[in-house]
């Protein structure tokens, strides 16, 4: 079973102790992401004048927006990967079919070669008989 980690992080200049089953590095990355988002907002003119509830709501909306954009990208990548996997599978089947066709054609070619050899032998034999009869 995973161990629960308590990790001290700094978010917007305040210390928090976050706990979870994720690695401390992961928890720090989450805090870092929140700090980047907050820094983006702090750069916006008028953000500091908004009340705390509105700032928190805007932050939550922005994070949710990022989440859904990434979720959509992941879905598109999954769809693209599935299409590529299907293409690879189709190509593998086509390769197998082409290999079978090659084997059949090689067999047919060998049979034709054998037939040609037999016919050439027969021709030589018939020409020899014809010469003997003359």
C-alpha atoms as a PDB file:
ATOM      1  CA  UNK A   1       0.000   0.000   0.000  1.00  0.00           C
ATOM      2  CA  UNK A   2       1.237   3.482  -0.802  1.00  0.00           C
ATOM      3  CA  UNK A   3       2.491   5.694   1.974  1.00  0.00           C
ATOM      4  CA  UNK A   4       0.728   8.980   2.618  1.00  0.00           C
ATOM      5  CA  UNK A   5       3.085  11.924   2.153  1.00  0.00           C
ATOM      6  CA  UNK A   6       2.933  15.223   4.026  1.00  0.00           C
ATOM      7  CA  UNK A   7       4.593  17.900   1.932  1.00  0.00           C
ATOM      8  CA  UNK A   8       5.164  21.516   2.868  1.00  0.00           C
ATOM      9  CA  UNK A   9       4.541  23.821  -0.092  1.00  0.00           C
ATOM     10  CA  UNK A  10       4.511  27.552  -0.677  1.00  0.00           C
ATOM     11  CA  UNK A  11       1.467  28.871  -2.547  1.00  0.00           C
ATOM     12  CA  UNK A  12       1.086  32.591  -3.149  1.00  0.00           C
ATOM     13  CA  UNK A  13       3.599  33.315  -0.396  1.00  0.00           C
ATOM     14  CA  UNK A  14       1.888  31.148   2.231  1.00  0.00           C
ATOM     15  CA  UNK A  15       3.076  27.838   3.632  1.00  0.00           C
ATOM     16  CA  UNK A  16       0.705  24.900   3.443  1.00  0.00           C
ATOM     17  CA  UNK A  17       1.103  21.280   4.383  1.00  0.00           C
ATOM     18  CA  UNK A  18      -0.481  19.104   1.736  1.00  0.00           C
ATOM     19  CA  UNK A  19      -0.888  15.392   2.224  1.00  0.00           C
ATOM     20  CA  UNK A  20      -1.605  12.710  -0.297  1.00  0.00           C
ATOM     21  CA  UNK A  21      -0.476   9.399  -1.697  1.00  0.00           C
ATOM     22  CA  UNK A  22       1.331  11.048  -4.604  1.00  0.00           C
ATOM     23  CA  UNK A  23       5.070  11.622  -4.516  1.00  0.00           C
ATOM     24  CA  UNK A  24       6.397  14.786  -2.865  1.00  0.00           C
ATOM     25  CA  UNK A  25       7.726  15.861  -6.273  1.00  0.00           C
ATOM     26  CA  UNK A  26       4.258  15.586  -7.778  1.00  0.00           C
ATOM     27  CA  UNK A  27       2.694  17.598  -4.941  1.00  0.00           C
ATOM     28  CA  UNK A  28       5.376  20.283  -5.429  1.00  0.00           C
ATOM     29  CA  UNK A  29       4.578  20.374  -9.154  1.00  0.00           C
ATOM     30  CA  UNK A  30       0.909  20.983  -8.333  1.00  0.00           C
ATOM     31  CA  UNK A  31       1.851  23.848  -6.013  1.00  0.00           C
ATOM     32  CA  UNK A  32       4.149  25.241  -8.691  1.00  0.00           C
ATOM     33  CA  UNK A  33       1.323  25.110 -11.237  1.00  0.00           C
ATOM     34  CA  UNK A  34      -0.990  27.023  -8.870  1.00  0.00           C
ATOM     35  CA  UNK A  35       1.758  29.615  -8.316  1.00  0.00           C
ATOM     36  CA  UNK A  36       2.189  30.078 -12.080  1.00  0.00           C
ATOM     37  CA  UNK A  37      -1.553  30.579 -12.480  1.00  0.00           C
ATOM     38  CA  UNK A  38      -1.621  33.081  -9.629  1.00  0.00           C
ATOM     39  CA  UNK A  39       1.351  34.922 -11.132  1.00  0.00           C
ATOM     40  CA  UNK A  40      -0.547  35.199 -14.433  1.00  0.00           C
ATOM     41  CA  UNK A  41      -3.492  36.765 -12.601  1.00  0.00           C
ATOM     42  CA  UNK A  42      -1.319  39.102 -10.531  1.00  0.00           C
ATOM     43  CA  UNK A  43       0.078  40.523 -13.783  1.00  0.00           C
ATOM     44  CA  UNK A  44      -3.439  41.480 -14.917  1.00  0.00           C
ATOM     45  CA  UNK A  45      -4.459  45.036 -14.233  1.00  0.00           C
ATOM     46  CA  UNK A  46      -7.269  45.270 -11.700  1.00  0.00           C
ATOM     47  CA  UNK A  47      -6.886  41.741 -10.345  1.00  0.00           C
ATOM     48  CA  UNK A  48      -5.670  42.983  -6.952  1.00  0.00           C
ATOM     49  CA  UNK A  49      -8.806  45.138  -6.572  1.00  0.00           C
ATOM     50  CA  UNK A  50     -11.149  42.159  -6.933  1.00  0.00           C
ATOM     51  CA  UNK A  51     -12.480  40.600  -3.765  1.00  0.00           C
ATOM     52  CA  UNK A  52     -10.992  37.296  -2.628  1.00  0.00           C
ATOM     53  CA  UNK A  53     -14.034  35.188  -3.570  1.00  0.00           C
ATOM     54  CA  UNK A  54     -14.003  36.498  -7.140  1.00  0.00           C
ATOM     55  CA  UNK A  55     -10.235  35.961  -7.442  1.00  0.00           C
ATOM     56  CA  UNK A  56     -10.604  32.392  -6.198  1.00  0.00           C
ATOM     57  CA  UNK A  57     -13.512  31.792  -8.578  1.00  0.00           C
ATOM     58  CA  UNK A  58     -11.516  33.153 -11.526  1.00  0.00           C
ATOM     59  CA  UNK A  59      -8.582  30.943 -10.554  1.00  0.00           C
ATOM     60  CA  UNK A  60     -10.853  27.888 -10.329  1.00  0.00           C
ATOM     61  CA  UNK A  61     -12.426  28.698 -13.719  1.00  0.00           C
ATOM     62  CA  UNK A  62      -8.999  29.140 -15.291  1.00  0.00           C
ATOM     63  CA  UNK A  63      -7.723  25.859 -13.859  1.00  0.00           C
ATOM     64  CA  UNK A  64     -10.905  24.066 -14.982  1.00  0.00           C
ATOM     65  CA  UNK A  65     -10.428  25.561 -18.455  1.00  0.00           C
ATOM     66  CA  UNK A  66      -6.854  24.238 -18.569  1.00  0.00           C
ATOM     67  CA  UNK A  67      -8.073  20.854 -17.358  1.00  0.00           C
ATOM     68  CA  UNK A  68     -10.777  20.516 -20.030  1.00  0.00           C
ATOM     69  CA  UNK A  69      -8.448  21.709 -22.785  1.00  0.00           C
ATOM     70  CA  UNK A  70      -5.891  19.080 -21.776  1.00  0.00           C
ATOM     71  CA  UNK A  71      -8.612  16.453 -21.443  1.00  0.00           C
ATOM     72  CA  UNK A  72      -9.774  17.266 -24.986  1.00  0.00           C
ATOM     73  CA  UNK A  73      -6.178  17.034 -26.274  1.00  0.00           C
ATOM     74  CA  UNK A  74      -5.737  13.683 -24.545  1.00  0.00           C
ATOM     75  CA  UNK A  75      -8.963  12.424 -26.117  1.00  0.00           C
ATOM     76  CA  UNK A  76      -7.823  13.608 -29.544  1.00  0.00           C
ATOM     77  CA  UNK A  77      -4.456  11.889 -29.035  1.00  0.00           C
ATOM     78  CA  UNK A  78      -6.222   8.683 -27.989  1.00  0.00           C
ATOM     79  CA  UNK A  79      -8.436   8.831 -31.077  1.00  0.00           C
ATOM     80  CA  UNK A  80      -5.421   9.533 -33.279  1.00  0.00           C
ATOM     81  CA  UNK A  81      -3.503   6.680 -31.653  1.00  0.00           C
ATOM     82  CA  UNK A  82      -6.432   4.303 -32.171  1.00  0.00           C
ATOM     83  CA  UNK A  83      -6.613   5.291 -35.844  1.00  0.00           C
ATOM     84  CA  UNK A  84      -2.877   4.755 -36.242  1.00  0.00           C
ATOM     85  CA  UNK A  85      -3.086   1.420 -34.426  1.00  0.00           C
ATOM     86  CA  UNK A  86      -5.864   0.371 -36.816  1.00  0.00           C
ATOM     87  CA  UNK A  87      -3.769   1.485 -39.790  1.00  0.00           C
ATOM     88  CA  UNK A  88      -0.807  -0.527 -38.504  1.00  0.00           C
ATOM     89  CA  UNK A  89      -3.017  -3.589 -38.017  1.00  0.00           C
ATOM     90  CA  UNK A  90      -4.484  -3.175 -41.509  1.00  0.00           C
ATOM     91  CA  UNK A  91      -0.969  -2.854 -42.933  1.00  0.00           C
ATOM     92  CA  UNK A  92       0.149  -5.987 -41.087  1.00  0.00           C
ATOM     93  CA  UNK A  93      -2.799  -7.876 -42.582  1.00  0.00           C
ATOM     94  CA  UNK A  94      -1.953  -6.483 -46.004  1.00  0.00           C
ATOM     95  CA  UNK A  95       1.678  -7.573 -45.575  1.00  0.00           C
ATOM     96  CA  UNK A  96       0.532 -11.100 -44.710  1.00  0.00           C
ATOM     97  CA  UNK A  97      -1.774 -11.165 -47.741  1.00  0.00           C
ATOM     98  CA  UNK A  98       1.024  -9.881 -49.982  1.00  0.00           C
ATOM     99  CA  UNK A  99       3.429 -12.480 -48.586  1.00  0.00           C
ATOM    100  CA  UNK A 100       0.862 -15.174 -49.376  1.00  0.00           C
ATOM    101  CA  UNK A 101       0.461 -13.757 -52.887  1.00  0.00           C
ATOM    102  CA  UNK A 102       4.249 -13.767 -53.332  1.00  0.00           C
ATOM    103  CA  UNK A 103       4.422 -17.425 -52.251  1.00  0.00           C
ATOM    104  CA  UNK A 104       1.644 -18.366 -54.666  1.00  0.00           C
ATOM    105  CA  UNK A 105       3.287 -16.454 -57.507  1.00  0.00           C
ATOM    106  CA  UNK A 106       6.681 -18.025 -56.761  1.00  0.00           C
ATOM    107  CA  UNK A 107       5.069 -21.460 -56.785  1.00  0.00           C
ATOM    108  CA  UNK A 108       3.315 -20.633 -60.056  1.00  0.00           C
ATOM    109  CA  UNK A 109       6.585 -19.315 -61.540  1.00  0.00           C
ATOM    110  CA  UNK A 110       8.369 -22.515 -60.532  1.00  0.00           C
ATOM    111  CA  UNK A 111       5.603 -24.593 -62.070  1.00  0.00           C
ATOM    112  CA  UNK A 112       5.892 -22.572 -65.295  1.00  0.00           C
ATOM    113  CA  UNK A 113       9.668 -23.038 -65.267  1.00  0.00           C
ATOM    114  CA  UNK A 114       9.194 -26.762 -64.849  1.00  0.00           C
ATOM    115  CA  UNK A 115       6.675 -26.767 -67.693  1.00  0.00           C
ATOM    116  CA  UNK A 116       9.041 -24.771 -69.898  1.00  0.00           C
ATOM    117  CA  UNK A 117      11.886 -27.180 -69.103  1.00  0.00           C
ATOM    118  CA  UNK A 118       9.689 -30.163 -69.924  1.00  0.00           C
ATOM    119  CA  UNK A 119       8.523 -28.525 -73.131  1.00  0.00           C
ATOM    120  CA  UNK A 120      12.100 -27.645 -74.097  1.00  0.00           C
ATOM    121  CA  UNK A 121      13.150 -31.239 -73.452  1.00  0.00           C
ATOM    122  CA  UNK A 122      10.197 -32.457 -75.456  1.00  0.00           C
ATOM    123  CA  UNK A 123      11.120 -30.032 -78.256  1.00  0.00           C
ATOM    124  CA  UNK A 124      14.707 -31.262 -78.289  1.00  0.00           C
ATOM    125  CA  UNK A 125      13.461 -34.828 -78.284  1.00  0.00           C
ATOM    126  CA  UNK A 126      11.048 -34.178 -81.140  1.00  0.00           C
ATOM    127  CA  UNK A 127      13.684 -32.281 -83.149  1.00  0.00           C
ATOM    128  CA  UNK A 128      16.079 -35.165 -82.639  1.00  0.00           C
ATOM    129  CA  UNK A 129      13.475 -37.667 -83.849  1.00  0.00           C
ATOM    130  CA  UNK A 130      12.698 -35.494 -86.800  1.00  0.00           C
ATOM    131  CA  UNK A 131      16.382 -35.291 -87.759  1.00  0.00           C
ATOM    132  CA  UNK A 132      16.699 -39.042 -87.429  1.00  0.00           C
ATOM    133  CA  UNK A 133      13.758 -39.613 -89.729  1.00  0.00           C
ATOM    134  CA  UNK A 134      15.198 -37.419 -92.460  1.00  0.00           C
END
